N, C-alpha and C. Protein backbone atom coordinates (compact mmCIF):
# COMPACT_ATOMS: atom_id res chain seq x y z
N MET A 1 0.87 -1.16 0.03
CA MET A 1 -0.23 -0.13 0.31
C MET A 1 0.80 1.32 0.30
N ALA A 2 0.33 2.33 -0.61
CA ALA A 2 1.56 3.22 -1.09
C ALA A 2 1.22 4.08 0.54
N GLY A 3 0.36 4.14 0.85
CA GLY A 3 0.36 5.24 1.88
C GLY A 3 1.01 4.60 3.46
N LEU A 4 1.27 3.65 3.07
CA LEU A 4 2.08 3.08 4.24
C LEU A 4 3.55 3.06 4.27
N ALA A 5 3.92 3.70 3.26
CA ALA A 5 5.33 3.12 2.56
C ALA A 5 6.08 3.79 3.59
N GLY A 6 7.24 3.34 3.89
CA GLY A 6 8.34 3.83 5.10
C GLY A 6 7.77 3.90 6.40
N THR A 7 6.90 3.18 6.82
CA THR A 7 6.18 3.57 8.12
C THR A 7 6.53 1.85 8.99
N GLY A 8 6.75 1.07 8.20
CA GLY A 8 7.51 -0.28 8.25
C GLY A 8 5.90 -1.16 8.68
N LEU A 9 4.48 -0.60 7.94
CA LEU A 9 3.70 -1.37 8.81
C LEU A 9 2.95 -2.17 7.31
N SER A 10 2.96 -3.16 7.09
CA SER A 10 2.04 -3.55 5.61
C SER A 10 0.79 -3.36 5.79
N GLY A 11 -0.14 -3.25 4.88
CA GLY A 11 -1.30 -3.21 4.42
C GLY A 11 -2.15 -4.68 5.13
N ALA A 12 -1.46 -5.41 5.28
CA ALA A 12 -2.55 -6.33 5.30
C ALA A 12 -2.87 -5.97 7.37
N GLY A 13 -1.37 -5.21 8.17
CA GLY A 13 -1.42 -5.75 9.68
C GLY A 13 -1.68 -4.02 10.11
N ALA A 14 -2.60 -3.56 9.20
CA ALA A 14 -2.53 -1.91 9.46
C ALA A 14 -4.41 -2.05 10.20
N VAL A 15 -4.63 -2.84 9.24
CA VAL A 15 -6.10 -2.64 9.90
C VAL A 15 -6.74 -3.46 10.83
N GLY A 16 -7.45 -2.49 11.55
CA GLY A 16 -7.80 -3.22 12.63
C GLY A 16 -7.03 -3.14 13.73
N MET A 17 -6.03 -2.45 13.39
CA MET A 17 -4.81 -2.26 14.45
C MET A 17 -5.31 -1.51 15.53
N ALA A 18 -5.18 -1.53 16.77
CA ALA A 18 -5.50 -0.46 17.47
C ALA A 18 -3.77 -0.03 18.74
N LEU A 19 -4.40 1.25 18.70
CA LEU A 19 -3.11 2.34 19.55
C LEU A 19 -3.10 2.44 21.07
N PRO A 20 -2.11 2.03 22.06
CA PRO A 20 -2.39 2.31 23.03
C PRO A 20 -3.26 3.12 23.43
N ALA A 21 -3.41 3.77 24.69
CA ALA A 21 -3.79 5.05 25.84
C ALA A 21 -3.02 5.68 25.68
N PRO A 22 -2.98 7.19 25.62
CA PRO A 22 -2.04 8.12 25.90
C PRO A 22 -1.89 7.73 27.26
N PRO A 23 -0.17 8.08 27.69
CA PRO A 23 -0.48 7.78 29.53
C PRO A 23 -1.02 8.95 29.73
N ALA A 24 -1.57 8.35 31.28
CA ALA A 24 -2.42 9.36 32.24
C ALA A 24 -1.40 10.38 32.72
N GLY A 25 -1.97 11.48 33.18
CA GLY A 25 -0.94 13.04 33.23
C GLY A 25 -1.85 14.27 33.57
N PRO A 26 -0.74 14.97 33.86
CA PRO A 26 -1.72 16.33 33.82
C PRO A 26 -1.87 16.97 32.68
N PRO A 27 -2.79 17.85 33.06
CA PRO A 27 -3.69 18.52 31.86
C PRO A 27 -2.86 19.27 30.71
N ALA A 28 -2.75 19.03 29.52
CA ALA A 28 -1.56 20.02 28.31
C ALA A 28 -1.83 21.43 28.55
N GLN A 29 -0.92 21.90 27.96
CA GLN A 29 -0.96 23.57 28.35
C GLN A 29 -0.87 23.76 27.20
N VAL A 30 -0.87 24.81 26.58
CA VAL A 30 -0.87 25.40 25.19
C VAL A 30 -0.74 26.86 25.43
N GLY A 31 0.48 27.75 25.78
CA GLY A 31 0.69 28.89 25.40
C GLY A 31 0.59 29.42 27.11
N GLY A 32 0.76 28.71 28.30
CA GLY A 32 0.28 29.23 29.59
C GLY A 32 -0.68 28.55 29.72
N LEU A 33 -1.65 28.21 28.96
CA LEU A 33 -3.21 27.83 29.34
C LEU A 33 -3.69 26.50 29.67
N ARG A 34 -4.10 26.15 30.58
CA ARG A 34 -4.35 24.29 30.92
C ARG A 34 -5.38 24.19 29.91
N VAL A 35 -5.10 23.07 29.05
CA VAL A 35 -6.52 22.69 28.38
C VAL A 35 -7.12 21.37 28.89
N CYS A 36 -8.54 21.61 28.71
CA CYS A 36 -9.47 21.20 29.89
C CYS A 36 -10.99 20.29 28.58
N GLU A 37 -11.20 19.07 28.75
CA GLU A 37 -11.70 19.05 27.77
C GLU A 37 -13.11 18.13 28.56
N ARG A 38 -14.48 18.52 27.97
CA ARG A 38 -15.75 17.94 28.27
C ARG A 38 -16.36 18.02 27.90
N GLY A 39 -16.51 16.64 27.24
CA GLY A 39 -17.36 16.25 25.97
C GLY A 39 -16.64 16.41 24.60
N ASP A 40 -17.58 17.10 24.08
CA ASP A 40 -17.37 17.56 22.91
C ASP A 40 -16.87 19.01 22.64
N THR A 41 -16.48 19.42 24.07
CA THR A 41 -16.38 20.97 24.19
C THR A 41 -14.64 20.89 24.88
N THR A 42 -14.00 21.72 24.29
CA THR A 42 -12.22 22.10 24.45
C THR A 42 -12.41 23.28 25.28
N TYR A 43 -11.85 23.45 26.57
CA TYR A 43 -11.41 24.89 26.80
C TYR A 43 -10.18 25.18 27.40
N LEU A 44 -9.81 26.17 26.98
CA LEU A 44 -8.89 26.97 27.78
C LEU A 44 -8.63 28.11 28.90
N LEU A 45 -8.03 27.18 29.98
CA LEU A 45 -8.09 27.81 31.02
C LEU A 45 -7.43 28.41 31.59
N ASP A 46 -6.94 29.99 32.34
CA ASP A 46 -5.56 30.44 32.48
C ASP A 46 -5.23 30.06 34.01
N ARG A 47 -4.36 30.73 34.59
CA ARG A 47 -3.45 30.06 35.63
C ARG A 47 -4.52 30.30 36.99
N SER A 48 -5.40 30.99 36.54
CA SER A 48 -6.80 31.26 37.45
C SER A 48 -7.96 30.19 37.76
N GLY A 49 -7.81 29.64 36.63
CA GLY A 49 -9.01 29.11 36.46
C GLY A 49 -10.57 29.37 35.27
N ARG A 50 -9.89 30.83 34.98
CA ARG A 50 -10.88 31.42 34.29
C ARG A 50 -11.11 31.08 32.47
N VAL A 51 -11.77 30.40 32.32
CA VAL A 51 -12.00 30.26 30.84
C VAL A 51 -11.58 31.38 29.92
N ARG A 52 -10.73 31.45 29.07
CA ARG A 52 -9.94 32.21 27.91
C ARG A 52 -10.82 31.64 26.79
N SER A 53 -10.49 30.74 26.30
CA SER A 53 -11.32 29.90 25.31
C SER A 53 -12.08 28.73 25.50
N LEU A 54 -12.99 28.80 24.51
CA LEU A 54 -14.50 27.41 24.55
C LEU A 54 -14.30 27.25 23.09
N THR A 55 -13.83 26.07 22.78
CA THR A 55 -14.25 25.41 21.28
C THR A 55 -15.12 24.10 21.02
N TYR A 56 -15.93 23.77 20.07
CA TYR A 56 -16.71 22.56 19.76
C TYR A 56 -16.78 22.59 18.56
N ALA A 57 -16.77 21.50 18.25
CA ALA A 57 -16.84 21.16 16.22
C ALA A 57 -18.33 19.83 16.17
N ARG A 58 -18.82 20.03 15.37
CA ARG A 58 -19.63 18.70 14.98
C ARG A 58 -19.32 18.28 13.67
N LEU A 59 -18.84 16.75 13.78
CA LEU A 59 -18.52 16.73 12.14
C LEU A 59 -19.55 15.21 12.02
N VAL A 60 -20.48 15.39 10.79
CA VAL A 60 -20.99 14.58 10.78
C VAL A 60 -20.78 14.35 8.93
N PRO A 61 -20.88 13.57 7.84
CA PRO A 61 -20.91 12.97 6.99
C PRO A 61 -21.46 14.05 6.21
N ASP A 62 -20.31 14.86 5.25
CA ASP A 62 -20.71 15.89 4.37
C ASP A 62 -21.40 17.04 5.18
N ASN A 63 -20.70 17.27 6.63
CA ASN A 63 -21.09 18.43 7.27
C ASN A 63 -19.92 18.61 8.33
N ARG A 64 -19.43 20.25 8.28
CA ARG A 64 -18.30 20.25 9.31
C ARG A 64 -18.78 21.31 10.09
N LEU A 65 -18.82 21.52 11.37
CA LEU A 65 -18.88 23.13 12.11
C LEU A 65 -18.07 23.06 13.18
N TRP A 66 -17.46 24.17 13.43
CA TRP A 66 -16.88 24.59 13.97
C TRP A 66 -16.77 26.01 15.39
N VAL A 67 -16.92 25.75 15.95
CA VAL A 67 -16.78 27.33 17.00
C VAL A 67 -15.82 27.25 18.05
N ARG A 68 -15.24 28.77 18.05
CA ARG A 68 -14.90 28.79 19.06
C ARG A 68 -15.27 30.39 19.56
N GLN A 69 -15.14 30.25 20.68
CA GLN A 69 -15.25 31.64 21.54
C GLN A 69 -14.02 32.36 22.60
N SER A 70 -13.56 33.23 22.38
CA SER A 70 -12.57 33.81 23.13
C SER A 70 -13.37 34.96 24.24
N TYR A 71 -12.62 34.83 25.35
CA TYR A 71 -12.84 35.24 26.58
C TYR A 71 -11.66 36.13 27.05
N ASP A 72 -11.65 37.39 28.08
CA ASP A 72 -11.02 38.26 28.20
C ASP A 72 -11.19 37.81 29.51
N ARG A 73 -9.48 38.67 30.07
CA ARG A 73 -9.88 38.11 31.51
C ARG A 73 -9.88 38.06 32.68
N ALA A 74 -11.28 38.62 32.47
CA ALA A 74 -12.45 39.52 33.44
C ALA A 74 -13.46 38.13 33.43
N GLY A 75 -13.46 37.36 31.97
CA GLY A 75 -14.51 35.69 31.67
C GLY A 75 -15.59 36.66 30.60
N ARG A 76 -15.45 38.28 30.21
CA ARG A 76 -16.27 38.72 29.54
C ARG A 76 -15.75 38.06 27.91
N LEU A 77 -16.57 37.53 27.22
CA LEU A 77 -16.66 37.28 25.59
C LEU A 77 -16.54 38.53 25.01
N THR A 78 -15.46 38.00 24.19
CA THR A 78 -14.56 39.19 23.16
C THR A 78 -14.86 38.84 21.52
N GLY A 79 -14.69 37.95 21.19
CA GLY A 79 -15.09 37.35 20.06
C GLY A 79 -15.51 35.42 19.68
N LEU A 80 -16.01 35.42 18.21
CA LEU A 80 -16.72 34.37 18.20
C LEU A 80 -16.05 34.06 16.51
N SER A 81 -15.55 32.92 16.53
CA SER A 81 -15.61 32.17 15.09
C SER A 81 -16.46 30.93 14.78
N VAL A 82 -17.11 31.22 13.40
CA VAL A 82 -17.68 29.88 13.46
C VAL A 82 -17.36 29.92 11.26
N SER A 83 -17.45 28.59 11.22
CA SER A 83 -16.99 27.78 10.27
C SER A 83 -17.76 26.89 9.85
N TRP A 84 -18.52 26.55 8.70
CA TRP A 84 -19.48 25.98 8.82
C TRP A 84 -19.30 25.59 7.21
N SER A 85 -19.38 24.28 6.89
CA SER A 85 -19.03 23.36 5.40
C SER A 85 -20.22 22.15 5.35
N GLY A 86 -20.33 22.24 4.14
CA GLY A 86 -21.37 21.46 3.97
C GLY A 86 -21.20 20.28 2.11
N PHE A 87 -22.12 19.32 2.16
CA PHE A 87 -21.60 18.95 0.84
C PHE A 87 -21.49 19.98 -0.40
N ALA A 88 -22.05 21.12 -0.29
CA ALA A 88 -22.16 21.85 -1.25
C ALA A 88 -21.72 23.25 -1.69
N GLY A 89 -20.65 22.87 -0.15
CA GLY A 89 -19.24 23.76 -0.35
C GLY A 89 -19.07 24.44 1.19
N ARG A 90 -18.77 25.46 1.52
CA ARG A 90 -18.47 26.48 2.49
C ARG A 90 -20.19 27.35 2.38
N LEU A 91 -20.57 27.12 3.70
CA LEU A 91 -21.62 27.92 4.25
C LEU A 91 -21.30 29.09 5.06
N LEU A 92 -20.46 28.91 5.91
CA LEU A 92 -20.12 30.02 6.92
C LEU A 92 -18.86 30.41 7.38
N ASP A 93 -18.23 31.18 7.13
CA ASP A 93 -17.16 31.71 7.75
C ASP A 93 -16.66 32.93 8.38
N VAL A 94 -17.36 32.92 9.47
CA VAL A 94 -17.59 34.35 9.92
C VAL A 94 -17.04 34.37 11.28
N ARG A 95 -16.87 35.64 11.80
CA ARG A 95 -15.86 36.02 12.95
C ARG A 95 -16.64 37.40 13.77
N GLY A 96 -17.11 37.49 14.69
CA GLY A 96 -17.76 38.50 15.59
C GLY A 96 -16.71 39.09 16.43
N SER A 97 -17.00 40.36 17.09
CA SER A 97 -16.43 41.02 18.29
C SER A 97 -17.49 41.24 18.94
N PHE A 98 -17.13 41.39 20.56
CA PHE A 98 -18.40 42.05 21.40
C PHE A 98 -17.81 42.94 22.24
N ASP A 99 -18.72 43.62 22.81
CA ASP A 99 -18.48 44.83 23.53
C ASP A 99 -18.20 43.82 24.94
N ALA A 100 -18.12 44.99 26.11
CA ALA A 100 -17.89 44.22 27.41
C ALA A 100 -19.21 43.83 27.83
N ARG A 101 -20.57 44.38 27.31
CA ARG A 101 -22.06 43.81 27.91
C ARG A 101 -22.25 42.63 27.02
N GLY A 102 -21.56 42.19 26.31
CA GLY A 102 -21.55 41.15 25.73
C GLY A 102 -22.90 41.22 24.12
N ARG A 103 -22.49 42.34 23.78
CA ARG A 103 -23.25 42.73 22.68
C ARG A 103 -22.31 42.44 21.38
N LEU A 104 -23.29 41.82 20.09
CA LEU A 104 -22.14 41.87 18.90
C LEU A 104 -22.12 42.77 18.26
N VAL A 105 -21.04 43.98 18.16
CA VAL A 105 -20.63 44.80 17.82
C VAL A 105 -20.08 45.12 16.47
N ARG A 106 -19.52 43.92 15.53
CA ARG A 106 -19.09 43.68 14.69
C ARG A 106 -19.24 41.97 13.98
N GLU A 107 -19.24 42.20 12.78
CA GLU A 107 -19.20 40.97 12.23
C GLU A 107 -18.33 40.54 10.64
N SER A 108 -18.04 39.85 10.49
CA SER A 108 -17.27 39.83 9.02
C SER A 108 -16.98 38.58 9.05
N GLY A 109 -16.82 38.07 7.60
CA GLY A 109 -16.45 37.26 6.90
C GLY A 109 -17.54 36.48 5.40
N PHE A 110 -17.55 35.36 5.62
CA PHE A 110 -18.70 35.31 4.35
C PHE A 110 -19.39 34.20 5.08
N ARG A 111 -20.93 34.73 4.00
CA ARG A 111 -22.10 33.42 4.41
C ARG A 111 -22.45 33.47 3.23
N ALA A 112 -23.14 32.16 3.02
CA ALA A 112 -23.48 31.36 1.65
C ALA A 112 -24.95 32.10 1.73
N ARG A 113 -25.70 31.96 0.64
CA ARG A 113 -26.95 32.93 0.32
C ARG A 113 -27.89 32.11 0.97
N GLY A 114 -28.58 32.76 2.17
CA GLY A 114 -29.37 31.91 2.32
C GLY A 114 -29.36 31.66 4.25
N VAL A 115 -27.97 31.65 4.36
CA VAL A 115 -27.51 31.65 5.46
C VAL A 115 -27.87 32.56 6.40
N THR A 116 -28.64 32.45 7.54
CA THR A 116 -29.06 33.97 8.28
C THR A 116 -29.00 33.84 9.91
N THR A 117 -28.93 32.42 10.21
CA THR A 117 -28.67 32.31 11.51
C THR A 117 -27.80 33.31 12.14
N PRO A 118 -28.34 34.05 13.00
CA PRO A 118 -27.75 34.78 14.28
C PRO A 118 -26.31 34.16 14.57
N LEU A 119 -25.32 35.06 14.70
CA LEU A 119 -24.07 34.32 14.74
C LEU A 119 -24.15 34.10 16.57
N GLY A 120 -25.29 34.87 17.22
CA GLY A 120 -24.81 34.76 18.70
C GLY A 120 -25.89 33.21 18.95
N SER A 121 -26.13 32.63 18.19
CA SER A 121 -27.08 31.29 17.63
C SER A 121 -26.11 30.17 18.43
N TYR A 122 -24.38 30.62 18.08
CA TYR A 122 -23.53 29.50 17.99
C TYR A 122 -23.33 29.41 19.36
N LEU A 123 -23.20 30.41 20.26
CA LEU A 123 -22.85 30.07 21.80
C LEU A 123 -23.23 29.70 22.45
N ARG A 124 -22.14 28.86 23.07
CA ARG A 124 -22.38 27.94 24.40
C ARG A 124 -21.75 28.53 25.68
N ALA A 125 -22.99 28.36 26.53
CA ALA A 125 -22.69 28.91 27.93
C ALA A 125 -21.31 28.09 28.37
N VAL A 126 -20.81 29.07 29.02
CA VAL A 126 -19.90 28.78 30.02
C VAL A 126 -20.14 28.06 31.31
N PRO A 127 -19.94 26.90 31.87
CA PRO A 127 -20.54 25.75 33.33
C PRO A 127 -19.30 26.50 34.36
N ARG A 128 -20.13 27.00 35.49
CA ARG A 128 -19.37 27.53 36.15
C ARG A 128 -19.02 26.33 37.09
N GLY A 129 -17.89 26.79 37.58
CA GLY A 129 -16.87 25.52 38.64
C GLY A 129 -16.28 25.01 37.44
N LEU A 130 -15.54 25.14 36.50
CA LEU A 130 -14.86 24.28 35.54
C LEU A 130 -13.84 24.24 36.38
N THR A 131 -13.29 23.13 36.30
CA THR A 131 -12.16 22.62 36.94
C THR A 131 -11.58 20.89 36.20
N CYS A 132 -10.06 21.30 35.99
CA CYS A 132 -9.67 20.20 35.17
C CYS A 132 -8.74 19.33 36.08
């Protein structure tokens, strides 16, 4: 099999091959932020335990939705990015900026014709007392 060349694996041995679980250890770090995964949502927490980013994705055949919410040091929503594509191609690739009161003040990017869902409808609430 051409895709396995140089890996030391034969095509017959690769099918059904199980990989070992990663070793248990402390939460991963990204740029000084802790990574915390809960279900289909990934959170980045600062040293004080405040959520600085929330990301989730929905992947189904011929459809991909990816959402990222950003927060300031006080825990206020500052930005939202939504990327959505389907079998027909790109449907939504939009970024939004929020003021200190959580109101959408700017939206930029691409929306396919007929995609009018408000950007705020993609927001997820940050759970209280999230710990990793």
